[in-house]
Amino acid sequence: MTPFQSSIRKALEQLEPGDVVTYGEIAAQAGYPGTARAVGNFLRNSSDLPWWRVVTSGGRLVPGSEREQERRLRAEGVEVTDGRVADTR
């Protein structure tokens, strides 16, 4: 695992149920600002992490996984309307 991946993993593991953050916020929190796209690529291949708690900068759900992400977020008490969460963190 690379230092980038390890830092992203650590940042994601700190999220609590009901937390929602953007890819950019996770990248910055992990010490890699400006790497939101790389965070998305990493999450695409890391199903053991709470990927559903991460949304786009506009609050949109992950394209292609919207139904599963919405189901998981709602189960944690997060409000999802028209494929978007109202607030992050």
C-alpha atoms as a PDB file:
ATOM      1  CA  MET A   1       0.000   0.000   0.000  1.00  0.00           C
ATOM      2  CA  THR A   2       1.338   3.430  -0.914  1.00  0.00           C
ATOM      3  CA  PRO A   3       1.588   6.307   1.585  1.00  0.00           C
ATOM      4  CA  PHE A   4      -1.260   8.010  -0.314  1.00  0.00           C
ATOM      5  CA  GLN A   5      -3.515   4.968  -0.004  1.00  0.00           C
ATOM      6  CA  SER A   6      -2.632   4.524   3.654  1.00  0.00           C
ATOM      7  CA  SER A   7      -3.457   8.170   4.418  1.00  0.00           C
ATOM      8  CA  ILE A   8      -6.779   7.998   2.541  1.00  0.00           C
ATOM      9  CA  ARG A   9      -7.678   4.763   4.325  1.00  0.00           C
ATOM     10  CA  LYS A  10      -6.927   6.320   7.713  1.00  0.00           C
ATOM     11  CA  ALA A  11      -9.050   9.402   6.931  1.00  0.00           C
ATOM     12  CA  LEU A  12     -11.981   7.243   5.817  1.00  0.00           C
ATOM     13  CA  GLU A  13     -11.773   4.975   8.847  1.00  0.00           C
ATOM     14  CA  GLN A  14     -12.294   8.026  11.080  1.00  0.00           C
ATOM     15  CA  LEU A  15     -15.727   8.711   9.592  1.00  0.00           C
ATOM     16  CA  GLU A  16     -18.682   7.864  11.794  1.00  0.00           C
ATOM     17  CA  PRO A  17     -22.066   6.580  10.606  1.00  0.00           C
ATOM     18  CA  GLY A  18     -23.996   9.547   9.230  1.00  0.00           C
ATOM     19  CA  ASP A  19     -20.871  11.512   8.276  1.00  0.00           C
ATOM     20  CA  VAL A  20     -20.732  12.596   4.647  1.00  0.00           C
ATOM     21  CA  VAL A  21     -17.665  14.208   3.085  1.00  0.00           C
ATOM     22  CA  THR A  22     -16.502  15.051  -0.409  1.00  0.00           C
ATOM     23  CA  TYR A  23     -13.630  13.456  -2.277  1.00  0.00           C
ATOM     24  CA  GLY A  24     -11.742  16.730  -1.969  1.00  0.00           C
ATOM     25  CA  GLU A  25     -12.291  16.911   1.782  1.00  0.00           C
ATOM     26  CA  ILE A  26     -10.912  13.405   2.251  1.00  0.00           C
ATOM     27  CA  ALA A  27      -7.923  14.238   0.052  1.00  0.00           C
ATOM     28  CA  ALA A  28      -7.171  17.384   2.066  1.00  0.00           C
ATOM     29  CA  GLN A  29      -7.694  15.662   5.405  1.00  0.00           C
ATOM     30  CA  ALA A  30      -5.252  12.942   4.340  1.00  0.00           C
ATOM     31  CA  GLY A  31      -2.644  15.541   3.427  1.00  0.00           C
ATOM     32  CA  TYR A  32      -3.089  15.359  -0.336  1.00  0.00           C
ATOM     33  CA  PRO A  33      -5.156  18.402  -1.346  1.00  0.00           C
ATOM     34  CA  GLY A  34      -6.085  18.540  -5.010  1.00  0.00           C
ATOM     35  CA  THR A  35      -6.228  14.774  -5.453  1.00  0.00           C
ATOM     36  CA  ALA A  36      -9.993  14.228  -5.268  1.00  0.00           C
ATOM     37  CA  ARG A  37     -10.006  12.208  -8.486  1.00  0.00           C
ATOM     38  CA  ALA A  38      -7.277   9.917  -7.147  1.00  0.00           C
ATOM     39  CA  VAL A  39      -9.364   9.369  -4.002  1.00  0.00           C
ATOM     40  CA  GLY A  40     -12.278   8.291  -6.208  1.00  0.00           C
ATOM     41  CA  ASN A  41     -10.061   5.883  -8.129  1.00  0.00           C
ATOM     42  CA  PHE A  42      -8.760   4.408  -4.890  1.00  0.00           C
ATOM     43  CA  LEU A  43     -12.262   3.961  -3.481  1.00  0.00           C
ATOM     44  CA  ARG A  44     -13.457   2.276  -6.657  1.00  0.00           C
ATOM     45  CA  ASN A  45     -11.130  -0.622  -5.790  1.00  0.00           C
ATOM     46  CA  SER A  46     -11.528  -0.606  -1.993  1.00  0.00           C
ATOM     47  CA  SER A  47     -14.890  -2.087  -1.102  1.00  0.00           C
ATOM     48  CA  ASP A  48     -13.855  -2.648   2.534  1.00  0.00           C
ATOM     49  CA  LEU A  49     -13.916   1.113   3.212  1.00  0.00           C
ATOM     50  CA  PRO A  50     -17.037   3.249   3.856  1.00  0.00           C
ATOM     51  CA  TRP A  51     -17.098   4.561   0.259  1.00  0.00           C
ATOM     52  CA  TRP A  52     -20.792   5.470   0.527  1.00  0.00           C
ATOM     53  CA  ARG A  53     -19.958   8.333   2.897  1.00  0.00           C
ATOM     54  CA  VAL A  54     -18.039  10.141   0.141  1.00  0.00           C
ATOM     55  CA  VAL A  55     -19.832  12.299  -2.445  1.00  0.00           C
ATOM     56  CA  THR A  56     -18.902  14.742  -5.192  1.00  0.00           C
ATOM     57  CA  SER A  57     -18.148  18.383  -4.411  1.00  0.00           C
ATOM     58  CA  GLY A  58     -21.738  19.239  -5.324  1.00  0.00           C
ATOM     59  CA  GLY A  59     -23.143  16.613  -2.955  1.00  0.00           C
ATOM     60  CA  ARG A  60     -24.047  14.167  -5.727  1.00  0.00           C
ATOM     61  CA  LEU A  61     -23.929  10.431  -5.172  1.00  0.00           C
ATOM     62  CA  VAL A  62     -21.400   8.213  -6.954  1.00  0.00           C
ATOM     63  CA  PRO A  63     -22.402   7.731 -10.604  1.00  0.00           C
ATOM     64  CA  GLY A  64     -23.285   4.102 -11.226  1.00  0.00           C
ATOM     65  CA  SER A  65     -23.705   3.285  -7.527  1.00  0.00           C
ATOM     66  CA  GLU A  66     -26.412   5.781  -6.623  1.00  0.00           C
ATOM     67  CA  ARG A  67     -28.999   3.276  -5.411  1.00  0.00           C
ATOM     68  CA  GLU A  68     -26.639   1.380  -3.138  1.00  0.00           C
ATOM     69  CA  GLN A  69     -25.070   4.572  -1.826  1.00  0.00           C
ATOM     70  CA  GLU A  70     -28.473   6.116  -1.147  1.00  0.00           C
ATOM     71  CA  ARG A  71     -29.639   2.956   0.645  1.00  0.00           C
ATOM     72  CA  ARG A  72     -26.566   2.927   2.890  1.00  0.00           C
ATOM     73  CA  LEU A  73     -26.707   6.656   3.630  1.00  0.00           C
ATOM     74  CA  ARG A  74     -30.412   6.553   4.478  1.00  0.00           C
ATOM     75  CA  ALA A  75     -29.749   3.620   6.822  1.00  0.00           C
ATOM     76  CA  GLU A  76     -27.328   5.946   8.654  1.00  0.00           C
ATOM     77  CA  GLY A  77     -29.906   8.726   8.867  1.00  0.00           C
ATOM     78  CA  VAL A  78     -28.608  10.877   6.011  1.00  0.00           C
ATOM     79  CA  GLU A  79     -31.204  12.699   3.926  1.00  0.00           C
ATOM     80  CA  VAL A  80     -30.834  12.150   0.182  1.00  0.00           C
ATOM     81  CA  THR A  81     -32.979  14.120  -2.265  1.00  0.00           C
ATOM     82  CA  ASP A  82     -32.806  13.753  -6.043  1.00  0.00           C
ATOM     83  CA  GLY A  83     -29.477  11.926  -5.875  1.00  0.00           C
ATOM     84  CA  ARG A  84     -27.827  14.520  -3.667  1.00  0.00           C
ATOM     85  CA  VAL A  85     -27.102  15.000   0.021  1.00  0.00           C
ATOM     86  CA  ALA A  86     -27.948  18.364   1.521  1.00  0.00           C
ATOM     87  CA  ASP A  87     -24.876  18.821   3.683  1.00  0.00           C
ATOM     88  CA  THR A  88     -21.489  17.254   4.130  1.00  0.00           C
ATOM     89  CA  ARG A  89     -20.077  16.725   7.571  1.00  0.00           C
END
